[in-house]
Amino acid sequence: PAVLLDSSSSLLFSLLLAQLPVFASASPVPPRRSSDLDKLTNHTTNLKRLAQKLLKKHEFDSDVETHRFRSLPEMSNRLATDLHNLELKPTLSQLHADLKLYKDHFDWLSNVSKKHHHPAVPKLEKMITEMKSVITMLHHQMQRVEAPVLTPATPSLPSHLPYHFEVLQSTHELLQHFNLFCDWAIRAFMGLKPKASAVQ
């Protein structure tokens, strides 16, 4: 009887072992938690998409004047920067200040466009709302790594735009510049992700 009991126990144990892979595969795998930089990359990509959609509606056959906004962030130097050499805190702080400055410009453009009953106003406001979300998320990330908050530059805006065509030109210039900024910001967020993970 003792031998029979041992055989039964061994058989039961073997059956349980055989079922372990089934139990393991049935257990739900927790989803990978996306980081703040992943979210910032995704939302900035969406911002770029919104800007590109608006740009398609404001294409010009002639050259657009590009000196209306003198307070926009300088992008030519950044595009030549090696993303691997970016420092976490200064870059996050600068991106935050830049986005707030762009928001000031687009707030102004939205108000001017309303006066001219521009059809792009709803999409402009949607983009501004998304911009606010990115600014909030970016500020949260800055707090986590203790990055300083910079004071944005005071926007230099045209005093008035009496003609509808001038509104169109201003819209085109801002969107072109912002599209370039978003492209750089997306790559910067992706490059900063390993550095942010090391700090947190």
N, C-alpha and C. Protein backbone atom coordinates (compact mmCIF):
# COMPACT_ATOMS: atom_id res chain seq x y z
N PRO A 1 0.82 -1.21 0.00
CA PRO A 1 0.00 0.00 0.00
C PRO A 1 0.84 1.25 0.00
N ALA A 2 2.01 1.21 0.77
CA ALA A 2 2.88 2.38 0.83
C ALA A 2 3.46 2.66 -0.55
N VAL A 3 3.84 1.59 -1.26
CA VAL A 3 4.40 1.75 -2.60
C VAL A 3 3.35 2.34 -3.53
N LEU A 4 2.11 1.86 -3.40
CA LEU A 4 1.01 2.34 -4.22
C LEU A 4 0.76 3.82 -3.97
N LEU A 5 0.85 4.23 -2.69
CA LEU A 5 0.63 5.62 -2.32
C LEU A 5 1.71 6.50 -2.92
N ASP A 6 2.98 5.98 -2.84
CA ASP A 6 4.08 6.74 -3.41
C ASP A 6 3.93 6.89 -4.92
N SER A 7 3.48 5.84 -5.55
CA SER A 7 3.28 5.89 -7.01
C SER A 7 2.20 6.90 -7.37
N SER A 8 1.12 6.89 -6.59
CA SER A 8 0.01 7.83 -6.84
C SER A 8 0.48 9.26 -6.63
N SER A 9 1.27 9.48 -5.57
CA SER A 9 1.76 10.83 -5.28
C SER A 9 2.67 11.31 -6.41
N SER A 10 3.53 10.40 -6.87
CA SER A 10 4.45 10.75 -7.95
C SER A 10 3.69 11.10 -9.22
N LEU A 11 2.63 10.31 -9.51
CA LEU A 11 1.82 10.56 -10.70
C LEU A 11 1.13 11.91 -10.60
N LEU A 12 0.58 12.21 -9.42
CA LEU A 12 -0.11 13.48 -9.20
C LEU A 12 0.87 14.64 -9.35
N PHE A 13 2.06 14.48 -8.79
CA PHE A 13 3.08 15.52 -8.86
C PHE A 13 3.50 15.77 -10.31
N SER A 14 3.63 14.66 -11.07
CA SER A 14 4.01 14.78 -12.47
C SER A 14 2.95 15.52 -13.27
N LEU A 15 1.67 15.21 -12.96
CA LEU A 15 0.56 15.88 -13.66
C LEU A 15 0.55 17.38 -13.36
N LEU A 16 0.81 17.71 -12.10
CA LEU A 16 0.85 19.13 -11.72
C LEU A 16 1.98 19.86 -12.44
N LEU A 17 3.13 19.21 -12.51
CA LEU A 17 4.27 19.82 -13.22
C LEU A 17 3.95 20.05 -14.69
N ALA A 18 3.25 19.09 -15.26
CA ALA A 18 2.89 19.19 -16.68
C ALA A 18 1.95 20.36 -16.93
N GLN A 19 1.15 20.70 -15.92
CA GLN A 19 0.17 21.78 -16.08
C GLN A 19 0.76 23.16 -15.83
N LEU A 20 1.97 23.22 -15.25
CA LEU A 20 2.55 24.52 -14.90
C LEU A 20 2.66 25.48 -16.08
N PRO A 21 3.13 25.01 -17.26
CA PRO A 21 3.19 25.95 -18.40
C PRO A 21 1.82 26.50 -18.77
N VAL A 22 0.78 25.66 -18.61
CA VAL A 22 -0.58 26.11 -18.94
C VAL A 22 -1.00 27.21 -17.98
N PHE A 23 -0.74 26.98 -16.66
CA PHE A 23 -1.09 27.99 -15.66
C PHE A 23 -0.33 29.29 -15.91
N ALA A 24 0.93 29.13 -16.27
CA ALA A 24 1.77 30.32 -16.49
C ALA A 24 1.27 31.12 -17.68
N SER A 25 0.89 30.40 -18.75
CA SER A 25 0.43 31.10 -19.94
C SER A 25 -0.94 31.72 -19.73
N ALA A 26 -1.72 31.14 -18.79
CA ALA A 26 -3.06 31.68 -18.53
C ALA A 26 -2.99 32.95 -17.69
N SER A 27 -1.89 33.14 -16.96
CA SER A 27 -1.77 34.33 -16.12
C SER A 27 -1.63 35.57 -16.99
N PRO A 28 -2.38 36.61 -16.71
CA PRO A 28 -2.28 37.83 -17.53
C PRO A 28 -0.93 38.50 -17.35
N VAL A 29 -0.34 38.94 -18.47
CA VAL A 29 0.94 39.64 -18.41
C VAL A 29 0.65 41.12 -18.23
N PRO A 30 1.17 41.73 -17.17
CA PRO A 30 0.88 43.15 -16.96
C PRO A 30 1.45 44.00 -18.09
N PRO A 31 0.70 44.96 -18.59
CA PRO A 31 1.18 45.79 -19.70
C PRO A 31 2.37 46.64 -19.26
N ARG A 32 3.28 46.88 -20.21
CA ARG A 32 4.44 47.71 -19.90
C ARG A 32 3.99 49.15 -19.68
N ARG A 33 4.38 49.71 -18.55
CA ARG A 33 3.97 51.08 -18.21
C ARG A 33 4.78 52.07 -19.05
N SER A 34 4.08 52.86 -19.82
CA SER A 34 4.78 53.83 -20.66
C SER A 34 5.32 54.96 -19.79
N SER A 35 6.52 55.41 -20.12
CA SER A 35 7.16 56.47 -19.35
C SER A 35 6.60 57.83 -19.75
N ASP A 36 6.93 58.85 -18.95
CA ASP A 36 6.50 60.21 -19.27
C ASP A 36 7.09 60.66 -20.61
N LEU A 37 8.32 60.24 -20.89
CA LEU A 37 8.94 60.65 -22.15
C LEU A 37 8.27 59.97 -23.33
N ASP A 38 7.77 58.74 -23.14
CA ASP A 38 6.99 58.08 -24.20
C ASP A 38 5.72 58.88 -24.49
N LYS A 39 5.05 59.29 -23.41
CA LYS A 39 3.81 60.07 -23.57
C LYS A 39 4.10 61.42 -24.24
N LEU A 40 5.20 62.05 -23.83
CA LEU A 40 5.57 63.33 -24.44
C LEU A 40 5.87 63.15 -25.93
N THR A 41 6.55 62.07 -26.26
CA THR A 41 6.86 61.80 -27.67
C THR A 41 5.57 61.60 -28.47
N ASN A 42 4.64 60.83 -27.93
CA ASN A 42 3.37 60.56 -28.63
C ASN A 42 2.53 61.83 -28.80
N HIS A 43 2.43 62.63 -27.74
CA HIS A 43 1.62 63.84 -27.83
C HIS A 43 2.26 64.88 -28.74
N THR A 44 3.59 64.96 -28.73
CA THR A 44 4.27 65.90 -29.62
C THR A 44 4.14 65.45 -31.07
N THR A 45 4.13 64.14 -31.29
CA THR A 45 3.89 63.61 -32.64
C THR A 45 2.49 64.00 -33.11
N ASN A 46 1.53 63.94 -32.20
CA ASN A 46 0.17 64.35 -32.55
C ASN A 46 0.11 65.85 -32.86
N LEU A 47 0.86 66.65 -32.10
CA LEU A 47 0.94 68.09 -32.36
C LEU A 47 1.50 68.35 -33.76
N LYS A 48 2.54 67.63 -34.10
CA LYS A 48 3.15 67.78 -35.42
C LYS A 48 2.16 67.41 -36.51
N ARG A 49 1.37 66.36 -36.27
CA ARG A 49 0.37 65.93 -37.24
C ARG A 49 -0.71 67.01 -37.43
N LEU A 50 -1.13 67.62 -36.33
CA LEU A 50 -2.13 68.70 -36.41
C LEU A 50 -1.58 69.89 -37.19
N ALA A 51 -0.31 70.22 -36.93
CA ALA A 51 0.32 71.35 -37.63
C ALA A 51 0.43 71.06 -39.13
N GLN A 52 0.77 69.83 -39.47
CA GLN A 52 0.91 69.46 -40.89
C GLN A 52 -0.43 69.52 -41.62
N LYS A 53 -1.49 69.11 -40.92
CA LYS A 53 -2.82 69.17 -41.54
C LYS A 53 -3.22 70.61 -41.83
N LEU A 54 -2.91 71.50 -40.88
CA LEU A 54 -3.22 72.92 -41.09
C LEU A 54 -2.34 73.50 -42.19
N LEU A 55 -1.10 73.07 -42.25
CA LEU A 55 -0.19 73.58 -43.29
C LEU A 55 -0.68 73.24 -44.68
N LYS A 56 -1.25 72.06 -44.84
CA LYS A 56 -1.75 71.65 -46.16
C LYS A 56 -2.85 72.58 -46.65
N LYS A 57 -3.55 73.20 -45.71
CA LYS A 57 -4.64 74.11 -46.09
C LYS A 57 -4.14 75.53 -46.30
N HIS A 58 -2.83 75.75 -46.05
CA HIS A 58 -2.30 77.11 -46.18
C HIS A 58 -1.05 77.12 -47.04
N GLU A 59 -1.10 76.39 -48.15
CA GLU A 59 0.04 76.37 -49.06
C GLU A 59 -0.03 77.58 -49.99
N PHE A 60 1.14 78.19 -50.24
CA PHE A 60 1.20 79.38 -51.08
C PHE A 60 2.08 79.11 -52.30
N ASP A 61 1.66 79.68 -53.42
CA ASP A 61 2.47 79.56 -54.62
C ASP A 61 3.68 80.49 -54.54
N SER A 62 3.49 81.64 -53.91
CA SER A 62 4.57 82.60 -53.78
C SER A 62 5.29 82.41 -52.45
N ASP A 63 6.46 83.03 -52.32
CA ASP A 63 7.22 82.93 -51.07
C ASP A 63 6.50 83.70 -49.97
N VAL A 64 6.51 83.12 -48.78
CA VAL A 64 5.88 83.75 -47.63
C VAL A 64 6.93 84.52 -46.86
N GLU A 65 6.58 85.74 -46.48
CA GLU A 65 7.51 86.53 -45.66
C GLU A 65 7.76 85.79 -44.35
N THR A 66 9.02 85.75 -43.94
CA THR A 66 9.35 85.00 -42.73
C THR A 66 10.00 85.88 -41.66
N HIS A 67 9.62 87.12 -41.61
CA HIS A 67 10.21 88.01 -40.60
C HIS A 67 9.14 88.64 -39.69
N ARG A 68 7.96 88.07 -39.69
CA ARG A 68 6.90 88.65 -38.87
C ARG A 68 7.12 88.36 -37.39
N PHE A 69 7.66 87.18 -37.08
CA PHE A 69 7.80 86.76 -35.68
C PHE A 69 9.27 86.63 -35.33
N ARG A 70 9.79 87.60 -34.61
CA ARG A 70 11.22 87.62 -34.31
C ARG A 70 11.55 86.96 -32.99
N SER A 71 10.53 86.55 -32.24
CA SER A 71 10.79 85.96 -30.92
C SER A 71 10.65 84.44 -30.91
N LEU A 72 10.47 83.84 -32.08
CA LEU A 72 10.36 82.38 -32.13
C LEU A 72 11.71 81.74 -31.80
N PRO A 73 11.70 80.55 -31.19
CA PRO A 73 12.95 79.87 -30.86
C PRO A 73 13.83 79.66 -32.10
N GLU A 74 15.12 79.85 -31.92
CA GLU A 74 16.07 79.64 -33.02
C GLU A 74 16.29 78.13 -33.21
N MET A 75 16.02 77.64 -34.41
CA MET A 75 16.09 76.20 -34.65
C MET A 75 17.33 75.77 -35.43
N SER A 76 17.96 76.67 -36.17
CA SER A 76 19.06 76.26 -37.05
C SER A 76 20.21 75.63 -36.28
N ASN A 77 20.55 76.18 -35.11
CA ASN A 77 21.65 75.62 -34.32
C ASN A 77 21.28 74.25 -33.75
N ARG A 78 20.04 74.08 -33.36
CA ARG A 78 19.62 72.83 -32.72
C ARG A 78 19.63 71.66 -33.69
N LEU A 79 19.25 71.93 -34.92
CA LEU A 79 19.17 70.85 -35.90
C LEU A 79 20.54 70.21 -36.15
N ALA A 80 21.60 70.98 -35.89
CA ALA A 80 22.95 70.46 -36.09
C ALA A 80 23.50 69.80 -34.82
N THR A 81 22.72 69.85 -33.72
CA THR A 81 23.18 69.30 -32.44
C THR A 81 23.08 67.77 -32.44
N ASP A 82 24.11 67.14 -31.90
CA ASP A 82 24.08 65.68 -31.74
C ASP A 82 23.15 65.35 -30.58
N LEU A 83 22.09 64.62 -30.86
CA LEU A 83 21.08 64.32 -29.84
C LEU A 83 21.65 63.51 -28.68
N HIS A 84 22.71 62.76 -28.93
CA HIS A 84 23.31 61.95 -27.87
C HIS A 84 24.01 62.82 -26.83
N ASN A 85 24.34 64.05 -27.22
CA ASN A 85 25.04 64.95 -26.31
C ASN A 85 24.10 65.85 -25.51
N LEU A 86 22.81 65.70 -25.72
CA LEU A 86 21.86 66.54 -24.99
C LEU A 86 21.88 66.22 -23.50
N GLU A 87 21.84 67.27 -22.69
CA GLU A 87 21.75 67.09 -21.24
C GLU A 87 20.27 67.10 -20.84
N LEU A 88 19.92 66.26 -19.90
CA LEU A 88 18.52 66.06 -19.55
C LEU A 88 17.84 67.33 -19.05
N LYS A 89 18.31 67.87 -17.95
CA LYS A 89 17.61 68.99 -17.31
C LYS A 89 17.57 70.26 -18.17
N PRO A 90 18.70 70.72 -18.71
CA PRO A 90 18.64 71.93 -19.54
C PRO A 90 17.75 71.79 -20.77
N THR A 91 17.75 70.58 -21.37
CA THR A 91 16.94 70.38 -22.58
C THR A 91 15.45 70.39 -22.25
N LEU A 92 15.05 69.71 -21.16
CA LEU A 92 13.65 69.72 -20.75
C LEU A 92 13.20 71.13 -20.43
N SER A 93 14.04 71.88 -19.72
CA SER A 93 13.69 73.25 -19.34
C SER A 93 13.52 74.13 -20.58
N GLN A 94 14.42 73.97 -21.56
CA GLN A 94 14.34 74.78 -22.77
C GLN A 94 13.12 74.42 -23.61
N LEU A 95 12.83 73.14 -23.72
CA LEU A 95 11.65 72.71 -24.47
C LEU A 95 10.37 73.26 -23.84
N HIS A 96 10.32 73.25 -22.52
CA HIS A 96 9.17 73.78 -21.79
C HIS A 96 8.98 75.26 -22.07
N ALA A 97 10.08 76.03 -21.99
CA ALA A 97 10.01 77.47 -22.27
C ALA A 97 9.62 77.73 -23.72
N ASP A 98 10.16 76.93 -24.64
CA ASP A 98 9.85 77.10 -26.07
C ASP A 98 8.37 76.83 -26.34
N LEU A 99 7.84 75.77 -25.76
CA LEU A 99 6.43 75.43 -25.98
C LEU A 99 5.50 76.52 -25.45
N LYS A 100 5.85 77.09 -24.31
CA LYS A 100 5.03 78.18 -23.75
C LYS A 100 5.08 79.40 -24.67
N LEU A 101 6.25 79.63 -25.27
CA LEU A 101 6.38 80.75 -26.19
C LEU A 101 5.56 80.52 -27.46
N TYR A 102 5.61 79.30 -27.99
CA TYR A 102 4.79 78.97 -29.15
C TYR A 102 3.31 79.12 -28.82
N LYS A 103 2.92 78.69 -27.63
CA LYS A 103 1.51 78.81 -27.23
C LYS A 103 1.08 80.27 -27.24
N ASP A 104 1.93 81.16 -26.74
CA ASP A 104 1.61 82.60 -26.77
C ASP A 104 1.39 83.08 -28.19
N HIS A 105 2.22 82.61 -29.11
CA HIS A 105 2.07 83.01 -30.52
C HIS A 105 0.77 82.47 -31.12
N PHE A 106 0.47 81.21 -30.82
CA PHE A 106 -0.74 80.62 -31.38
C PHE A 106 -2.01 81.17 -30.71
N ASP A 107 -1.93 81.54 -29.45
CA ASP A 107 -3.06 82.21 -28.80
C ASP A 107 -3.36 83.52 -29.53
N TRP A 108 -2.30 84.25 -29.82
CA TRP A 108 -2.46 85.52 -30.55
C TRP A 108 -3.07 85.28 -31.93
N LEU A 109 -2.53 84.28 -32.63
CA LEU A 109 -3.02 83.98 -33.98
C LEU A 109 -4.49 83.55 -33.96
N SER A 110 -4.86 82.78 -32.94
CA SER A 110 -6.25 82.35 -32.82
C SER A 110 -7.19 83.54 -32.64
N ASN A 111 -6.79 84.48 -31.80
CA ASN A 111 -7.61 85.68 -31.57
C ASN A 111 -7.74 86.52 -32.84
N VAL A 112 -6.63 86.67 -33.57
CA VAL A 112 -6.66 87.44 -34.82
C VAL A 112 -7.52 86.73 -35.85
N SER A 113 -7.39 85.41 -35.92
CA SER A 113 -8.15 84.62 -36.90
C SER A 113 -9.65 84.70 -36.64
N LYS A 114 -10.02 84.77 -35.35
CA LYS A 114 -11.44 84.91 -35.01
C LYS A 114 -12.02 86.21 -35.55
N LYS A 115 -11.22 87.28 -35.47
CA LYS A 115 -11.68 88.58 -35.96
C LYS A 115 -11.90 88.57 -37.46
N HIS A 116 -11.13 87.74 -38.15
CA HIS A 116 -11.27 87.64 -39.61
C HIS A 116 -12.15 86.46 -40.02
N HIS A 117 -12.77 85.83 -39.01
CA HIS A 117 -13.67 84.68 -39.27
C HIS A 117 -12.96 83.60 -40.09
N HIS A 118 -11.73 83.31 -39.70
CA HIS A 118 -10.93 82.32 -40.42
C HIS A 118 -11.46 80.92 -40.13
N PRO A 119 -11.64 80.10 -41.17
CA PRO A 119 -12.20 78.75 -40.97
C PRO A 119 -11.30 77.80 -40.18
N ALA A 120 -10.02 78.15 -40.04
CA ALA A 120 -9.08 77.25 -39.35
C ALA A 120 -9.11 77.40 -37.83
N VAL A 121 -9.94 78.32 -37.32
CA VAL A 121 -9.95 78.60 -35.87
C VAL A 121 -10.19 77.34 -35.03
N PRO A 122 -11.19 76.50 -35.32
CA PRO A 122 -11.40 75.30 -34.49
C PRO A 122 -10.17 74.39 -34.43
N LYS A 123 -9.49 74.21 -35.57
CA LYS A 123 -8.31 73.34 -35.57
C LYS A 123 -7.13 74.00 -34.84
N LEU A 124 -7.05 75.32 -34.94
CA LEU A 124 -6.02 76.04 -34.19
C LEU A 124 -6.24 75.85 -32.69
N GLU A 125 -7.49 75.98 -32.28
CA GLU A 125 -7.80 75.84 -30.85
C GLU A 125 -7.57 74.40 -30.37
N LYS A 126 -7.82 73.44 -31.23
CA LYS A 126 -7.54 72.04 -30.89
C LYS A 126 -6.04 71.84 -30.68
N MET A 127 -5.24 72.47 -31.54
CA MET A 127 -3.80 72.37 -31.42
C MET A 127 -3.30 73.05 -30.14
N ILE A 128 -3.90 74.18 -29.80
CA ILE A 128 -3.52 74.90 -28.57
C ILE A 128 -3.85 74.06 -27.34
N THR A 129 -5.00 73.38 -27.37
CA THR A 129 -5.39 72.51 -26.25
C THR A 129 -4.39 71.37 -26.08
N GLU A 130 -3.98 70.77 -27.20
CA GLU A 130 -2.99 69.70 -27.15
C GLU A 130 -1.64 70.23 -26.65
N MET A 131 -1.32 71.46 -27.05
CA MET A 131 -0.08 72.08 -26.61
C MET A 131 -0.07 72.26 -25.09
N LYS A 132 -1.21 72.65 -24.53
CA LYS A 132 -1.33 72.80 -23.08
C LYS A 132 -1.07 71.47 -22.38
N SER A 133 -1.58 70.38 -22.95
CA SER A 133 -1.37 69.05 -22.36
C SER A 133 0.10 68.68 -22.35
N VAL A 134 0.79 68.97 -23.45
CA VAL A 134 2.22 68.66 -23.53
C VAL A 134 3.00 69.50 -22.52
N ILE A 135 2.65 70.78 -22.40
CA ILE A 135 3.32 71.67 -21.44
C ILE A 135 3.14 71.14 -20.01
N THR A 136 1.93 70.69 -19.68
CA THR A 136 1.66 70.15 -18.34
C THR A 136 2.45 68.88 -18.09
N MET A 137 2.46 67.97 -19.06
CA MET A 137 3.22 66.71 -18.92
C MET A 137 4.72 66.99 -18.80
N LEU A 138 5.18 67.94 -19.58
CA LEU A 138 6.60 68.27 -19.55
C LEU A 138 6.99 68.87 -18.20
N HIS A 139 6.12 69.70 -17.66
CA HIS A 139 6.38 70.29 -16.34
C HIS A 139 6.43 69.20 -15.27
N HIS A 140 5.56 68.21 -15.39
CA HIS A 140 5.54 67.09 -14.45
C HIS A 140 6.87 66.33 -14.52
N GLN A 141 7.35 66.08 -15.73
CA GLN A 141 8.62 65.39 -15.91
C GLN A 141 9.78 66.22 -15.34
N MET A 142 9.72 67.53 -15.52
CA MET A 142 10.76 68.42 -14.99
C MET A 142 10.80 68.36 -13.46
N GLN A 143 9.63 68.30 -12.84
CA GLN A 143 9.58 68.20 -11.38
C GLN A 143 10.21 66.90 -10.90
N ARG A 144 9.99 65.82 -11.64
CA ARG A 144 10.51 64.51 -11.24
C ARG A 144 12.04 64.48 -11.27
N VAL A 145 12.64 65.21 -12.20
CA VAL A 145 14.10 65.20 -12.30
C VAL A 145 14.72 66.48 -11.75
N GLU A 146 13.86 67.35 -11.19
CA GLU A 146 14.30 68.61 -10.59
C GLU A 146 14.98 69.53 -11.59
N ALA A 147 14.36 69.65 -12.77
CA ALA A 147 14.86 70.59 -13.79
C ALA A 147 14.26 71.96 -13.53
N PRO A 148 15.04 73.02 -13.67
CA PRO A 148 14.53 74.38 -13.39
C PRO A 148 13.54 74.86 -14.45
N VAL A 149 12.62 75.72 -14.02
CA VAL A 149 11.66 76.32 -14.95
C VAL A 149 12.24 77.65 -15.44
N LEU A 150 12.37 77.78 -16.76
CA LEU A 150 12.91 79.01 -17.35
C LEU A 150 11.77 79.98 -17.65
N THR A 151 12.08 81.26 -17.60
CA THR A 151 11.09 82.27 -17.97
C THR A 151 11.08 82.40 -19.49
N PRO A 152 9.95 82.15 -20.14
CA PRO A 152 9.91 82.26 -21.60
C PRO A 152 10.17 83.69 -22.06
N ALA A 153 10.72 83.81 -23.26
CA ALA A 153 10.95 85.14 -23.83
C ALA A 153 9.61 85.82 -24.09
N THR A 154 9.62 87.14 -24.04
CA THR A 154 8.40 87.89 -24.34
C THR A 154 8.15 87.84 -25.84
N PRO A 155 6.98 87.37 -26.26
CA PRO A 155 6.73 87.26 -27.71
C PRO A 155 6.68 88.62 -28.40
N SER A 156 7.32 88.69 -29.55
CA SER A 156 7.29 89.89 -30.37
C SER A 156 6.27 89.64 -31.49
N LEU A 157 5.10 90.28 -31.35
CA LEU A 157 3.99 89.99 -32.26
C LEU A 157 3.62 91.22 -33.09
N PRO A 158 3.16 91.02 -34.33
CA PRO A 158 2.70 92.16 -35.13
C PRO A 158 1.58 92.90 -34.42
N SER A 159 1.60 94.22 -34.51
CA SER A 159 0.60 95.02 -33.80
C SER A 159 -0.80 94.78 -34.33
N HIS A 160 -0.94 94.65 -35.64
CA HIS A 160 -2.26 94.36 -36.20
C HIS A 160 -2.10 93.78 -37.60
N LEU A 161 -3.09 93.02 -38.01
CA LEU A 161 -3.10 92.43 -39.34
C LEU A 161 -4.43 92.82 -40.01
N PRO A 162 -4.40 93.91 -40.76
CA PRO A 162 -5.67 94.41 -41.31
C PRO A 162 -6.24 93.58 -42.45
N TYR A 163 -5.40 92.79 -43.10
CA TYR A 163 -5.86 92.06 -44.28
C TYR A 163 -5.87 90.55 -44.04
N HIS A 164 -6.85 89.91 -44.65
CA HIS A 164 -7.01 88.47 -44.51
C HIS A 164 -5.78 87.72 -45.00
N PHE A 165 -5.17 88.22 -46.09
CA PHE A 165 -4.00 87.55 -46.64
C PHE A 165 -2.84 87.56 -45.65
N GLU A 166 -2.73 88.64 -44.87
CA GLU A 166 -1.67 88.72 -43.86
C GLU A 166 -1.88 87.68 -42.76
N VAL A 167 -3.12 87.42 -42.44
CA VAL A 167 -3.43 86.37 -41.45
C VAL A 167 -3.00 85.02 -41.98
N LEU A 168 -3.28 84.78 -43.27
CA LEU A 168 -2.90 83.52 -43.90
C LEU A 168 -1.38 83.35 -43.90
N GLN A 169 -0.68 84.42 -44.22
CA GLN A 169 0.78 84.35 -44.25
C GLN A 169 1.35 84.09 -42.85
N SER A 170 0.79 84.76 -41.86
CA SER A 170 1.25 84.58 -40.49
C SER A 170 1.00 83.15 -40.02
N THR A 171 -0.17 82.62 -40.38
CA THR A 171 -0.51 81.24 -40.02
C THR A 171 0.50 80.27 -40.64
N HIS A 172 0.81 80.51 -41.91
CA HIS A 172 1.74 79.63 -42.61
C HIS A 172 3.12 79.68 -41.98
N GLU A 173 3.59 80.88 -41.68
CA GLU A 173 4.93 81.02 -41.09
C GLU A 173 5.02 80.33 -39.73
N LEU A 174 4.04 80.57 -38.88
CA LEU A 174 4.05 79.96 -37.55
C LEU A 174 3.99 78.43 -37.63
N LEU A 175 3.14 77.92 -38.48
CA LEU A 175 2.99 76.47 -38.61
C LEU A 175 4.26 75.82 -39.15
N GLN A 176 4.89 76.47 -40.12
CA GLN A 176 6.14 75.93 -40.66
C GLN A 176 7.20 75.85 -39.58
N HIS A 177 7.33 76.91 -38.83
CA HIS A 177 8.33 76.98 -37.77
C HIS A 177 8.03 75.95 -36.68
N PHE A 178 6.75 75.86 -36.31
CA PHE A 178 6.36 74.94 -35.24
C PHE A 178 6.52 73.48 -35.67
N ASN A 179 6.25 73.21 -36.93
CA ASN A 179 6.43 71.86 -37.46
C ASN A 179 7.89 71.42 -37.34
N LEU A 180 8.80 72.34 -37.63
CA LEU A 180 10.23 72.07 -37.49
C LEU A 180 10.60 71.83 -36.03
N PHE A 181 10.03 72.65 -35.15
CA PHE A 181 10.30 72.49 -33.71
C PHE A 181 9.81 71.13 -33.21
N CYS A 182 8.60 70.73 -33.60
CA CYS A 182 8.04 69.45 -33.16
C CYS A 182 8.92 68.29 -33.60
N ASP A 183 9.41 68.38 -34.82
CA ASP A 183 10.28 67.32 -35.34
C ASP A 183 11.52 67.17 -34.47
N TRP A 184 12.11 68.30 -34.09
CA TRP A 184 13.31 68.25 -33.25
C TRP A 184 12.96 67.78 -31.83
N ALA A 185 11.83 68.26 -31.30
CA ALA A 185 11.43 67.90 -29.94
C ALA A 185 11.16 66.41 -29.82
N ILE A 186 10.55 65.81 -30.82
CA ILE A 186 10.27 64.36 -30.81
C ILE A 186 11.57 63.59 -30.71
N ARG A 187 12.55 63.98 -31.53
CA ARG A 187 13.84 63.28 -31.50
C ARG A 187 14.58 63.54 -30.19
N ALA A 188 14.41 64.74 -29.64
CA ALA A 188 15.05 65.06 -28.35
C ALA A 188 14.47 64.21 -27.23
N PHE A 189 13.14 64.09 -27.18
CA PHE A 189 12.50 63.27 -26.15
C PHE A 189 12.96 61.82 -26.24
N MET A 190 13.07 61.32 -27.45
CA MET A 190 13.51 59.93 -27.63
C MET A 190 14.97 59.76 -27.19
N GLY A 191 15.79 60.76 -27.48
CA GLY A 191 17.19 60.70 -27.07
C GLY A 191 17.39 60.84 -25.57
N LEU A 192 16.45 61.57 -24.91
CA LEU A 192 16.57 61.80 -23.47
C LEU A 192 16.01 60.65 -22.62
N LYS A 193 15.26 59.78 -23.25
CA LYS A 193 14.57 58.72 -22.49
C LYS A 193 15.52 57.88 -21.63
N PRO A 194 16.66 57.39 -22.17
CA PRO A 194 17.56 56.59 -21.32
C PRO A 194 18.11 57.40 -20.15
N LYS A 195 18.36 58.68 -20.37
CA LYS A 195 18.91 59.54 -19.31
C LYS A 195 17.87 59.78 -18.22
N ALA A 196 16.61 59.94 -18.62
CA ALA A 196 15.54 60.14 -17.64
C ALA A 196 15.32 58.88 -16.83
N SER A 197 15.41 57.71 -17.48
CA SER A 197 15.23 56.43 -16.78
C SER A 197 16.32 56.22 -15.75
N ALA A 198 17.53 56.68 -16.04
CA ALA A 198 18.65 56.51 -15.12
C ALA A 198 18.50 57.38 -13.87
N VAL A 199 17.84 58.53 -14.04
CA VAL A 199 17.66 59.46 -12.91
C VAL A 199 16.54 59.02 -12.01
N GLN A 200 15.44 58.51 -12.59
CA GLN A 200 14.23 58.17 -11.81
C GLN A 200 14.39 56.84 -11.10
